[in-house]
Every structure is written in C-alpha cells, then in structure tokens.
C-alpha atoms as a PDB file:
ATOM      1  CA  UNK A   1    -102.865-147.605  22.900  1.00  0.00           C
ATOM      2  CA  UNK A   2    -102.079-150.611  21.339  1.00  0.00           C
ATOM      3  CA  UNK A   3     -99.020-151.709  19.612  1.00  0.00           C
ATOM      4  CA  UNK A   4    -101.152-152.472  16.294  1.00  0.00           C
ATOM      5  CA  UNK A   5    -103.069-148.738  16.266  1.00  0.00           C
ATOM      6  CA  UNK A   6     -99.415-146.995  16.199  1.00  0.00           C
ATOM      7  CA  UNK A   7     -98.654-148.684  13.626  1.00  0.00           C
ATOM      8  CA  UNK A   8    -101.839-147.244  11.346  1.00  0.00           C
ATOM      9  CA  UNK A   9    -100.060-144.312  12.217  1.00  0.00           C
ATOM     10  CA  UNK A  10     -96.929-145.595  11.639  1.00  0.00           C
ATOM     11  CA  UNK A  11     -98.085-146.867   8.326  1.00  0.00           C
ATOM     12  CA  UNK A  12     -99.924-143.390   7.270  1.00  0.00           C
ATOM     13  CA  UNK A  13     -96.448-141.172   7.860  1.00  0.00           C
ATOM     14  CA  UNK A  14     -94.490-143.974   6.444  1.00  0.00           C
ATOM     15  CA  UNK A  15     -96.767-145.386   3.625  1.00  0.00           C
ATOM     16  CA  UNK A  16     -95.022-149.031   5.619  1.00  0.00           C
ATOM     17  CA  UNK A  17     -97.589-150.846   2.696  1.00  0.00           C
ATOM     18  CA  UNK A  18     -99.103-153.251   5.685  1.00  0.00           C
ATOM     19  CA  UNK A  19    -102.388-154.798   5.072  1.00  0.00           C
ATOM     20  CA  UNK A  20    -105.568-153.055   6.264  1.00  0.00           C
ATOM     21  CA  UNK A  21    -106.415-155.752   8.250  1.00  0.00           C
ATOM     22  CA  UNK A  22    -103.374-155.908  10.476  1.00  0.00           C
ATOM     23  CA  UNK A  23    -105.002-152.996  12.698  1.00  0.00           C
ATOM     24  CA  UNK A  24    -108.370-154.988  12.887  1.00  0.00           C
ATOM     25  CA  UNK A  25    -108.875-156.640  16.840  1.00  0.00           C
ATOM     26  CA  UNK A  26    -109.547-160.389  15.151  1.00  0.00           C
ATOM     27  CA  UNK A  27    -107.001-160.560  13.512  1.00  0.00           C
ATOM     28  CA  UNK A  28    -104.829-162.309  15.435  1.00  0.00           C
ATOM     29  CA  UNK A  29    -102.711-163.522  13.190  1.00  0.00           C
ATOM     30  CA  UNK A  30    -100.826-160.561  12.110  1.00  0.00           C
ATOM     31  CA  UNK A  31     -96.843-163.149  12.213  1.00  0.00           C
ATOM     32  CA  UNK A  32     -97.839-163.912   8.596  1.00  0.00           C
ATOM     33  CA  UNK A  33     -96.472-159.840   7.253  1.00  0.00           C
ATOM     34  CA  UNK A  34     -92.305-159.455   8.039  1.00  0.00           C
ATOM     35  CA  UNK A  35     -93.589-155.880   9.035  1.00  0.00           C
ATOM     36  CA  UNK A  36     -95.421-156.386  11.312  1.00  0.00           C
ATOM     37  CA  UNK A  37     -93.070-158.662  13.144  1.00  0.00           C
ATOM     38  CA  UNK A  38     -90.540-156.124  13.100  1.00  0.00           C
ATOM     39  CA  UNK A  39     -92.531-153.455  14.566  1.00  0.00           C
ATOM     40  CA  UNK A  40     -93.991-155.186  17.917  1.00  0.00           C
ATOM     41  CA  UNK A  41     -90.118-156.252  18.239  1.00  0.00           C
ATOM     42  CA  UNK A  42     -89.035-151.987  18.043  1.00  0.00           C
ATOM     43  CA  UNK A  43     -92.853-151.266  20.235  1.00  0.00           C
ATOM     44  CA  UNK A  44     -91.232-153.101  22.835  1.00  0.00           C
ATOM     45  CA  UNK A  45     -87.647-151.497  21.934  1.00  0.00           C
ATOM     46  CA  UNK A  46     -89.032-147.893  22.006  1.00  0.00           C
ATOM     47  CA  UNK A  47     -91.681-148.886  25.515  1.00  0.00           C
ATOM     48  CA  UNK A  48     -89.008-150.077  26.942  1.00  0.00           C
ATOM     49  CA  UNK A  49     -86.435-147.496  26.536  1.00  0.00           C
ATOM     50  CA  UNK A  50     -89.119-144.822  26.478  1.00  0.00           C
ATOM     51  CA  UNK A  51     -89.360-146.368  31.105  1.00  0.00           C
ATOM     52  CA  UNK A  52     -85.335-146.966  31.158  1.00  0.00           C
ATOM     53  CA  UNK A  53     -84.548-143.649  30.025  1.00  0.00           C
ATOM     54  CA  UNK A  54     -87.878-140.789  30.029  1.00  0.00           C
ATOM     55  CA  UNK A  55     -90.246-142.488  32.230  1.00  0.00           C
ATOM     56  CA  UNK A  56     -92.323-141.071  35.435  1.00  0.00           C
ATOM     57  CA  UNK A  57     -94.001-144.519  36.211  1.00  0.00           C
ATOM     58  CA  UNK A  58     -93.017-144.203  39.285  1.00  0.00           C
ATOM     59  CA  UNK A  59     -93.681-146.133  42.267  1.00  0.00           C
ATOM     60  CA  UNK A  60     -93.580-146.854  45.781  1.00  0.00           C
ATOM     61  CA  UNK A  61     -93.593-150.578  48.136  1.00  0.00           C
ATOM     62  CA  UNK A  62     -92.658-151.029  51.397  1.00  0.00           C
ATOM     63  CA  UNK A  63     -90.238-153.930  51.223  1.00  0.00           C
ATOM     64  CA  UNK A  64     -87.931-155.624  54.266  1.00  0.00           C
ATOM     65  CA  UNK A  65     -84.024-156.949  54.059  1.00  0.00           C
ATOM     66  CA  UNK A  66     -82.996-160.384  55.374  1.00  0.00           C
ATOM     67  CA  UNK A  67     -79.217-160.773  55.661  1.00  0.00           C
ATOM     68  CA  UNK A  68     -78.961-157.346  54.076  1.00  0.00           C
ATOM     69  CA  UNK A  69     -80.726-158.470  50.993  1.00  0.00           C
ATOM     70  CA  UNK A  70     -83.925-157.027  49.906  1.00  0.00           C
ATOM     71  CA  UNK A  71     -85.118-159.304  47.109  1.00  0.00           C
ATOM     72  CA  UNK A  72     -86.473-156.697  43.960  1.00  0.00           C
ATOM     73  CA  UNK A  73     -87.826-159.909  41.716  1.00  0.00           C
ATOM     74  CA  UNK A  74     -90.710-159.601  42.285  1.00  0.00           C
ATOM     75  CA  UNK A  75     -90.881-156.320  41.378  1.00  0.00           C
ATOM     76  CA  UNK A  76     -90.370-154.627  38.140  1.00  0.00           C
ATOM     77  CA  UNK A  77     -87.931-152.121  39.633  1.00  0.00           C
ATOM     78  CA  UNK A  78     -85.766-150.291  36.774  1.00  0.00           C
ATOM     79  CA  UNK A  79     -84.076-147.478  39.634  1.00  0.00           C
ATOM     80  CA  UNK A  80     -83.937-147.031  42.721  1.00  0.00           C
ATOM     81  CA  UNK A  81     -85.219-143.121  43.090  1.00  0.00           C
ATOM     82  CA  UNK A  82     -85.513-143.632  47.010  1.00  0.00           C
ATOM     83  CA  UNK A  83     -84.631-145.777  50.296  1.00  0.00           C
ATOM     84  CA  UNK A  84     -85.839-144.559  53.917  1.00  0.00           C
ATOM     85  CA  UNK A  85     -85.799-146.310  56.927  1.00  0.00           C
ATOM     86  CA  UNK A  86     -89.296-146.077  58.982  1.00  0.00           C
ATOM     87  CA  UNK A  87     -87.597-142.921  59.736  1.00  0.00           C
ATOM     88  CA  UNK A  88     -87.734-141.187  56.621  1.00  0.00           C
ATOM     89  CA  UNK A  89     -83.914-141.675  56.875  1.00  0.00           C
ATOM     90  CA  UNK A  90     -81.926-141.991  53.632  1.00  0.00           C
ATOM     91  CA  UNK A  91     -80.682-146.180  53.309  1.00  0.00           C
ATOM     92  CA  UNK A  92     -77.641-146.261  51.295  1.00  0.00           C
ATOM     93  CA  UNK A  93     -77.411-149.378  49.479  1.00  0.00           C
ATOM     94  CA  UNK A  94     -75.774-151.693  46.348  1.00  0.00           C
ATOM     95  CA  UNK A  95     -78.176-153.185  43.382  1.00  0.00           C
ATOM     96  CA  UNK A  96     -77.092-156.908  42.970  1.00  0.00           C
ATOM     97  CA  UNK A  97     -78.102-159.227  41.107  1.00  0.00           C
ATOM     98  CA  UNK A  98     -80.539-160.864  43.456  1.00  0.00           C
ATOM     99  CA  UNK A  99     -81.980-157.513  44.418  1.00  0.00           C
ATOM    100  CA  UNK A 100     -80.599-154.515  46.642  1.00  0.00           C
ATOM    101  CA  UNK A 101     -78.059-154.711  49.720  1.00  0.00           C
ATOM    102  CA  UNK A 102     -78.425-152.712  52.324  1.00  0.00           C
ATOM    103  CA  UNK A 103     -76.461-152.742  55.747  1.00  0.00           C
ATOM    104  CA  UNK A 104     -78.626-153.912  58.020  1.00  0.00           C
ATOM    105  CA  UNK A 105     -81.824-155.424  58.235  1.00  0.00           C
ATOM    106  CA  UNK A 106     -84.909-153.462  58.607  1.00  0.00           C
ATOM    107  CA  UNK A 107     -88.312-152.588  56.670  1.00  0.00           C
ATOM    108  CA  UNK A 108     -88.003-150.099  54.277  1.00  0.00           C
ATOM    109  CA  UNK A 109     -90.006-147.616  52.035  1.00  0.00           C
ATOM    110  CA  UNK A 110     -88.763-147.549  48.195  1.00  0.00           C
ATOM    111  CA  UNK A 111     -89.731-145.725  45.680  1.00  0.00           C
ATOM    112  CA  UNK A 112     -88.901-147.023  41.967  1.00  0.00           C
ATOM    113  CA  UNK A 113     -88.983-146.275  38.846  1.00  0.00           C
ATOM    114  CA  UNK A 114     -90.719-149.560  37.025  1.00  0.00           C
ATOM    115  CA  UNK A 115     -89.953-152.005  34.426  1.00  0.00           C
ATOM    116  CA  UNK A 116     -92.376-151.808  31.308  1.00  0.00           C
ATOM    117  CA  UNK A 117     -93.846-155.323  30.205  1.00  0.00           C
ATOM    118  CA  UNK A 118     -93.246-156.220  26.569  1.00  0.00           C
ATOM    119  CA  UNK A 119     -97.375-156.270  24.599  1.00  0.00           C
ATOM    120  CA  UNK A 120     -98.039-158.202  22.042  1.00  0.00           C
ATOM    121  CA  UNK A 121     -99.403-156.404  18.571  1.00  0.00           C
ATOM    122  CA  UNK A 122    -104.014-155.864  20.196  1.00  0.00           C
ATOM    123  CA  UNK A 123    -102.437-155.873  23.682  1.00  0.00           C
ATOM    124  CA  UNK A 124    -103.794-152.629  25.377  1.00  0.00           C
ATOM    125  CA  UNK A 125    -100.439-150.975  27.339  1.00  0.00           C
ATOM    126  CA  UNK A 126     -99.924-147.751  29.138  1.00  0.00           C
ATOM    127  CA  UNK A 127     -97.515-145.197  27.643  1.00  0.00           C
ATOM    128  CA  UNK A 128     -95.026-144.179  30.719  1.00  0.00           C
ATOM    129  CA  UNK A 129     -96.100-140.340  31.117  1.00  0.00           C
ATOM    130  CA  UNK A 130     -99.208-139.223  30.094  1.00  0.00           C
ATOM    131  CA  UNK A 131     -98.126-136.977  28.189  1.00  0.00           C
ATOM    132  CA  UNK A 132     -96.482-139.184  25.043  1.00  0.00           C
ATOM    133  CA  UNK A 133     -99.074-139.390  23.052  1.00  0.00           C
ATOM    134  CA  UNK A 134     -99.228-142.208  19.942  1.00  0.00           C
ATOM    135  CA  UNK A 135     -97.743-140.787  17.496  1.00  0.00           C
ATOM    136  CA  UNK A 136     -94.838-139.637  19.733  1.00  0.00           C
ATOM    137  CA  UNK A 137     -94.238-143.581  20.263  1.00  0.00           C
ATOM    138  CA  UNK A 138     -94.786-143.871  16.043  1.00  0.00           C
ATOM    139  CA  UNK A 139     -91.648-141.335  15.503  1.00  0.00           C
ATOM    140  CA  UNK A 140     -89.626-143.931  17.917  1.00  0.00           C
ATOM    141  CA  UNK A 141     -90.748-146.372  16.251  1.00  0.00           C
ATOM    142  CA  UNK A 142     -90.149-145.853  12.782  1.00  0.00           C
ATOM    143  CA  UNK A 143     -86.866-144.746  13.492  1.00  0.00           C
ATOM    144  CA  UNK A 144     -86.212-148.662  15.377  1.00  0.00           C
ATOM    145  CA  UNK A 145     -87.874-149.729  12.520  1.00  0.00           C
ATOM    146  CA  UNK A 146     -85.746-147.684   9.656  1.00  0.00           C
ATOM    147  CA  UNK A 147     -82.599-147.984  11.776  1.00  0.00           C
ATOM    148  CA  UNK A 148     -82.669-151.952  12.220  1.00  0.00           C
ATOM    149  CA  UNK A 149     -83.605-152.314   7.995  1.00  0.00           C
ATOM    150  CA  UNK A 150     -80.463-150.130   7.708  1.00  0.00           C
ATOM    151  CA  UNK A 151     -82.121-147.384   5.659  1.00  0.00           C
ATOM    152  CA  UNK A 152     -80.241-144.738   7.634  1.00  0.00           C
ATOM    153  CA  UNK A 153     -81.256-141.434   6.419  1.00  0.00           C
ATOM    154  CA  UNK A 154     -85.598-141.880   7.206  1.00  0.00           C
ATOM    155  CA  UNK A 155     -84.172-143.728  10.609  1.00  0.00           C
ATOM    156  CA  UNK A 156     -82.298-140.360  11.488  1.00  0.00           C
ATOM    157  CA  UNK A 157     -85.651-138.704  10.113  1.00  0.00           C
ATOM    158  CA  UNK A 158     -87.722-140.386  12.428  1.00  0.00           C
ATOM    159  CA  UNK A 159     -85.525-140.387  15.341  1.00  0.00           C
ATOM    160  CA  UNK A 160     -84.426-136.618  15.456  1.00  0.00           C
ATOM    161  CA  UNK A 161     -88.488-136.378  15.637  1.00  0.00           C
ATOM    162  CA  UNK A 162     -88.914-138.295  18.215  1.00  0.00           C
ATOM    163  CA  UNK A 163     -86.335-137.259  20.322  1.00  0.00           C
ATOM    164  CA  UNK A 164     -87.245-133.521  20.100  1.00  0.00           C
ATOM    165  CA  UNK A 165     -91.023-134.637  20.715  1.00  0.00           C
ATOM    166  CA  UNK A 166     -90.066-136.138  23.825  1.00  0.00           C
ATOM    167  CA  UNK A 167     -87.490-133.192  24.998  1.00  0.00           C
ATOM    168  CA  UNK A 168     -90.377-130.357  24.291  1.00  0.00           C
ATOM    169  CA  UNK A 169     -92.899-133.045  26.303  1.00  0.00           C
ATOM    170  CA  UNK A 170     -90.794-133.725  29.393  1.00  0.00           C
ATOM    171  CA  UNK A 171     -89.544-129.852  29.411  1.00  0.00           C
ATOM    172  CA  UNK A 172     -90.606-128.255  32.740  1.00  0.00           C
ATOM    173  CA  UNK A 173     -92.856-125.668  32.698  1.00  0.00           C
ATOM    174  CA  UNK A 174     -91.215-123.428  35.324  1.00  0.00           C
ATOM    175  CA  UNK A 175     -87.699-123.249  32.925  1.00  0.00           C
ATOM    176  CA  UNK A 176     -89.192-120.775  31.388  1.00  0.00           C
ATOM    177  CA  UNK A 177     -88.451-117.840  32.225  1.00  0.00           C
ATOM    178  CA  UNK A 178     -90.532-114.883  30.939  1.00  0.00           C
ATOM    179  CA  UNK A 179     -88.542-111.748  31.220  1.00  0.00           C
ATOM    180  CA  UNK A 180     -90.421-109.537  33.537  1.00  0.00           C
ATOM    181  CA  UNK A 181     -93.295-106.606  32.999  1.00  0.00           C
ATOM    182  CA  UNK A 182     -92.003-103.581  33.078  1.00  0.00           C
ATOM    183  CA  UNK A 183     -94.213-100.225  33.427  1.00  0.00           C
ATOM    184  CA  UNK A 184     -93.267 -96.888  32.988  1.00  0.00           C
END
C-alpha cells in the first residue's frame, strides 16, 4: 500500500478536494497541498496506532545481555511478547531507556511486536496485518484527519467505522459459537 493510494480512497469517501495529480507516482511535490501534508501526518499516526494496539507483526531475535542489559536499540521493539533462555524458561525482565534489564548475562530468545517506520507519500509500506485493508486504513485516516481539523461529527463517524472494522477483522473465528445440531 502507498499513502497516496489510500489518500485517493479518502478523497473518494469524503470528497476532500485533493487535486488528481497528487496520486501520480511521478508527483514528488505533494507538499504544496496542505490537505495532502495533513493526510501524510495522520497516515503515520494511524500506522503507529495499528502497530501498537492491533498489530500481528511479530518478530523474533536472539539477543545477549552484558551486565544485565539487553540492548534493543538496533531492533524496532514495540512490546515484548516473551523472553526465554536457551532452555525455554521464561526470563523476568524490566523495560529501561536503553533496553531490557535482566538478572543475569546470557543469550536469550526474544519475541516482540515491531514498530513501524514512518512512510512518505509515494513509499510502499506493509500493513501490520493482511486482514487490514486499505479501506479500513482510510477510515482511520479520515477519522484522524477530521479530528485534527476540529470537525467532530465526521471524525466520530469515521473513527466508529474504523474501530468496528478493526474489531471485526481481528476477532478470532473460534470465539463464534455455533449451537450443536440436534437430530430427532
């Protein structure tokens, strides 16, 4: 997905009045349009929120600690899912500014959720989940866009659509219970 492509969906949904040349790949100078600049800002905001709260973008790394500190600045760590030692035992840890602090030195298996990288107008980016479609992303962008303009009514409407769609695509299928069939 590209922000310019999702901005086109936003323009179609809410009639934002973006010029047609904003969406073309050769147009590198979208910065003259304030609407496009604001849409790029809210796109990065929505991407951050998706990765932080709704993401399934999980990664694994083998890390080592020196002096009890695991340096996590070289990976885009958002939240630790698990930290285990070589035996598979869970290792207690604490978050610090410089990384994770553990009680002893060693090599550990780290499972974590990733942070997104900020994207530009025509840069390709990966959705944190394949189930999050460009239209759902556009709902989030429109909600934040109207919210930043102070237009509360459309902001609440698009954010409600956004969160309803996110809940629908992230709901586990196994949580839906079907009654048993009865044969008499």
